[in-house]
Amino acid sequence: QAAFAADVCENRGYMVEFHGLKFWCLASAHARNSMWFPQESVPKEADALMCYRIPGNGTISVSLYHKPGREDLDLSEIAKANGGGGHRGACGFSMTTGQAIVGGILK
C-alpha cells in the first residue's frame, strides 16, 4: 500500500493555488486520508495537501490536510470559508464542479 500511495502521489498529483496557499492535490477515489501523501512524494514547495472525490451529483468533496512541517496553518479556516469544517490539519467541504473549476481545483 505504501508503494501504491507513493506512486499515486508522485504521478497523479498536481499543484493547486487555493486561498493563497499551494496545495499538492490528488483526485482519487482511493485518497481519503493523509496516508496517500507520503512525505517524500510531496513537492517541497507545497504548503498543504488536498484530495477530492467526485460523487456524481454535481459536487466535489474536498479534504485538506497539513503537510508535515506546516502545522502552523489553520486549514479549517479555508474549510469554513467554503461551508465546511473540521480541525486545523484535517478538514473538508463540498462545492459544485463549477466552483471547483473557477477555484482552480479541477483542471
C-alpha atoms as a PDB file:
ATOM      1  CA  GLN A   1       0.000   0.000   0.000  1.00  0.00           C
ATOM      2  CA  ALA A   2       2.860   2.413   0.792  1.00  0.00           C
ATOM      3  CA  ALA A   3       4.392   1.926  -2.662  1.00  0.00           C
ATOM      4  CA  PHE A   4       0.997   2.394  -4.321  1.00  0.00           C
ATOM      5  CA  ALA A   5       0.368   5.586  -2.319  1.00  0.00           C
ATOM      6  CA  ALA A   6       3.790   6.975  -3.295  1.00  0.00           C
ATOM      7  CA  ASP A   7       3.126   6.186  -6.967  1.00  0.00           C
ATOM      8  CA  VAL A   8      -0.309   7.845  -6.864  1.00  0.00           C
ATOM      9  CA  CYS A   9       1.060  10.899  -5.065  1.00  0.00           C
ATOM     10  CA  GLU A  10       4.056  11.383  -7.343  1.00  0.00           C
ATOM     11  CA  ASN A  11       2.470  10.564 -10.694  1.00  0.00           C
ATOM     12  CA  ARG A  12      -1.114  11.758 -10.343  1.00  0.00           C
ATOM     13  CA  GLY A  13      -0.766  14.797  -8.108  1.00  0.00           C
ATOM     14  CA  TYR A  14      -0.663  18.399  -9.251  1.00  0.00           C
ATOM     15  CA  MET A  15      -0.200  21.820  -7.666  1.00  0.00           C
ATOM     16  CA  VAL A  16      -3.276  23.948  -6.969  1.00  0.00           C
ATOM     17  CA  GLU A  17      -3.208  27.527  -5.685  1.00  0.00           C
ATOM     18  CA  PHE A  18      -6.250  27.980  -3.462  1.00  0.00           C
ATOM     19  CA  HIS A  19      -6.908  30.656  -0.830  1.00  0.00           C
ATOM     20  CA  GLY A  20      -3.348  31.926  -1.205  1.00  0.00           C
ATOM     21  CA  LEU A  21      -1.684  28.558  -0.492  1.00  0.00           C
ATOM     22  CA  LYS A  22      -0.061  25.952  -2.712  1.00  0.00           C
ATOM     23  CA  PHE A  23      -1.751  22.576  -2.259  1.00  0.00           C
ATOM     24  CA  TRP A  24      -0.423  19.279  -3.607  1.00  0.00           C
ATOM     25  CA  CYS A  25      -3.676  17.858  -4.934  1.00  0.00           C
ATOM     26  CA  LEU A  26      -4.872  14.329  -5.670  1.00  0.00           C
ATOM     27  CA  ALA A  27      -8.061  13.411  -7.464  1.00  0.00           C
ATOM     28  CA  SER A  28      -8.640   9.845  -6.432  1.00  0.00           C
ATOM     29  CA  ALA A  29     -11.364   7.547  -5.263  1.00  0.00           C
ATOM     30  CA  HIS A  30      -8.678   5.975  -3.062  1.00  0.00           C
ATOM     31  CA  ALA A  31      -7.225   9.113  -1.462  1.00  0.00           C
ATOM     32  CA  ARG A  32      -9.477   9.558   1.545  1.00  0.00           C
ATOM     33  CA  ASN A  33      -6.882  10.460   4.169  1.00  0.00           C
ATOM     34  CA  SER A  34      -3.409  11.919   4.557  1.00  0.00           C
ATOM     35  CA  MET A  35      -1.773   8.471   4.270  1.00  0.00           C
ATOM     36  CA  TRP A  36      -1.923   8.931   0.475  1.00  0.00           C
ATOM     37  CA  PHE A  37       0.643  11.733   0.726  1.00  0.00           C
ATOM     38  CA  PRO A  38       3.965  10.115   1.723  1.00  0.00           C
ATOM     39  CA  GLN A  39       6.231  12.949   2.856  1.00  0.00           C
ATOM     40  CA  GLU A  40       8.986  12.055   0.381  1.00  0.00           C
ATOM     41  CA  SER A  41       6.476  12.162  -2.503  1.00  0.00           C
ATOM     42  CA  VAL A  42       5.119  15.667  -1.858  1.00  0.00           C
ATOM     43  CA  PRO A  43       6.924  18.565  -3.591  1.00  0.00           C
ATOM     44  CA  LYS A  44       8.849  20.797  -1.208  1.00  0.00           C
ATOM     45  CA  GLU A  45       7.093  23.949  -2.470  1.00  0.00           C
ATOM     46  CA  ALA A  46       3.655  22.694  -1.394  1.00  0.00           C
ATOM     47  CA  ASP A  47       2.167  24.380   1.677  1.00  0.00           C
ATOM     48  CA  ALA A  48      -0.560  21.804   2.358  1.00  0.00           C
ATOM     49  CA  LEU A  49      -2.327  18.745   0.962  1.00  0.00           C
ATOM     50  CA  MET A  50      -5.674  18.418  -0.818  1.00  0.00           C
ATOM     51  CA  CYS A  51      -7.629  15.496  -2.215  1.00  0.00           C
ATOM     52  CA  TYR A  52     -11.040  15.371  -3.761  1.00  0.00           C
ATOM     53  CA  ARG A  53     -13.662  12.929  -4.926  1.00  0.00           C
ATOM     54  CA  ILE A  54     -16.470  13.469  -7.400  1.00  0.00           C
ATOM     55  CA  PRO A  55     -19.520  11.622  -6.062  1.00  0.00           C
ATOM     56  CA  GLY A  56     -21.519  12.143  -9.260  1.00  0.00           C
ATOM     57  CA  ASN A  57     -24.155  14.585  -8.036  1.00  0.00           C
ATOM     58  CA  GLY A  58     -22.647  17.773  -9.493  1.00  0.00           C
ATOM     59  CA  THR A  59     -20.456  18.383  -6.448  1.00  0.00           C
ATOM     60  CA  ILE A  60     -16.958  17.506  -5.346  1.00  0.00           C
ATOM     61  CA  SER A  61     -15.895  16.555  -1.823  1.00  0.00           C
ATOM     62  CA  VAL A  62     -12.631  18.231  -0.858  1.00  0.00           C
ATOM     63  CA  SER A  63     -10.363  17.248   2.047  1.00  0.00           C
ATOM     64  CA  LEU A  64      -7.456  19.363   3.307  1.00  0.00           C
ATOM     65  CA  TYR A  65      -4.515  18.119   5.402  1.00  0.00           C
ATOM     66  CA  HIS A  66      -1.384  19.531   6.960  1.00  0.00           C
ATOM     67  CA  LYS A  67       1.830  18.881   5.143  1.00  0.00           C
ATOM     68  CA  PRO A  68       4.411  17.669   7.686  1.00  0.00           C
ATOM     69  CA  GLY A  69       6.330  20.703   8.884  1.00  0.00           C
ATOM     70  CA  ARG A  70       3.497  23.132   8.100  1.00  0.00           C
ATOM     71  CA  GLU A  71       1.311  22.545  11.134  1.00  0.00           C
ATOM     72  CA  ASP A  72       1.272  26.335  11.615  1.00  0.00           C
ATOM     73  CA  LEU A  73      -1.507  26.637   9.029  1.00  0.00           C
ATOM     74  CA  ASP A  74      -5.136  26.565  10.148  1.00  0.00           C
ATOM     75  CA  LEU A  75      -6.734  24.831   7.180  1.00  0.00           C
ATOM     76  CA  SER A  76     -10.104  24.741   8.944  1.00  0.00           C
ATOM     77  CA  GLU A  77     -10.470  28.454   8.151  1.00  0.00           C
ATOM     78  CA  ILE A  78     -10.439  27.584   4.437  1.00  0.00           C
ATOM     79  CA  ALA A  79     -12.938  24.782   5.010  1.00  0.00           C
ATOM     80  CA  LYS A  80     -15.236  27.107   6.977  1.00  0.00           C
ATOM     81  CA  ALA A  81     -14.989  29.778   4.262  1.00  0.00           C
ATOM     82  CA  ASN A  82     -16.304  27.161   1.827  1.00  0.00           C
ATOM     83  CA  GLY A  83     -19.167  25.956   4.023  1.00  0.00           C
ATOM     84  CA  GLY A  84     -17.347  23.034   5.679  1.00  0.00           C
ATOM     85  CA  GLY A  85     -15.440  22.430   8.865  1.00  0.00           C
ATOM     86  CA  GLY A  86     -13.085  20.203  10.763  1.00  0.00           C
ATOM     87  CA  HIS A  87      -9.775  20.534  12.551  1.00  0.00           C
ATOM     88  CA  ARG A  88      -6.732  22.728  11.836  1.00  0.00           C
ATOM     89  CA  GLY A  89      -4.942  19.964   9.961  1.00  0.00           C
ATOM     90  CA  ALA A  90      -7.774  17.709   8.736  1.00  0.00           C
ATOM     91  CA  CYS A  91     -10.939  19.277   7.391  1.00  0.00           C
ATOM     92  CA  GLY A  92     -13.157  19.445   4.373  1.00  0.00           C
ATOM     93  CA  PHE A  93     -16.027  20.895   2.416  1.00  0.00           C
ATOM     94  CA  SER A  94     -18.136  20.332  -0.682  1.00  0.00           C
ATOM     95  CA  MET A  95     -18.571  22.605  -3.675  1.00  0.00           C
ATOM     96  CA  THR A  96     -20.119  22.427  -7.117  1.00  0.00           C
ATOM     97  CA  THR A  97     -17.957  21.324 -10.013  1.00  0.00           C
ATOM     98  CA  GLY A  98     -18.366  24.837 -11.455  1.00  0.00           C
ATOM     99  CA  GLN A  99     -16.990  26.398  -8.281  1.00  0.00           C
ATOM    100  CA  ALA A 100     -14.099  23.917  -8.349  1.00  0.00           C
ATOM    101  CA  ILE A 101     -13.223  24.867 -11.917  1.00  0.00           C
ATOM    102  CA  VAL A 102     -13.331  28.603 -11.144  1.00  0.00           C
ATOM    103  CA  GLY A 103     -11.301  27.983  -7.955  1.00  0.00           C
ATOM    104  CA  GLY A 104      -8.628  26.134  -9.932  1.00  0.00           C
ATOM    105  CA  ILE A 105      -9.112  22.774  -8.198  1.00  0.00           C
ATOM    106  CA  LEU A 106     -10.452  20.951 -11.259  1.00  0.00           C
ATOM    107  CA  LYS A 107      -8.246  21.221 -14.301  1.00  0.00           C
END
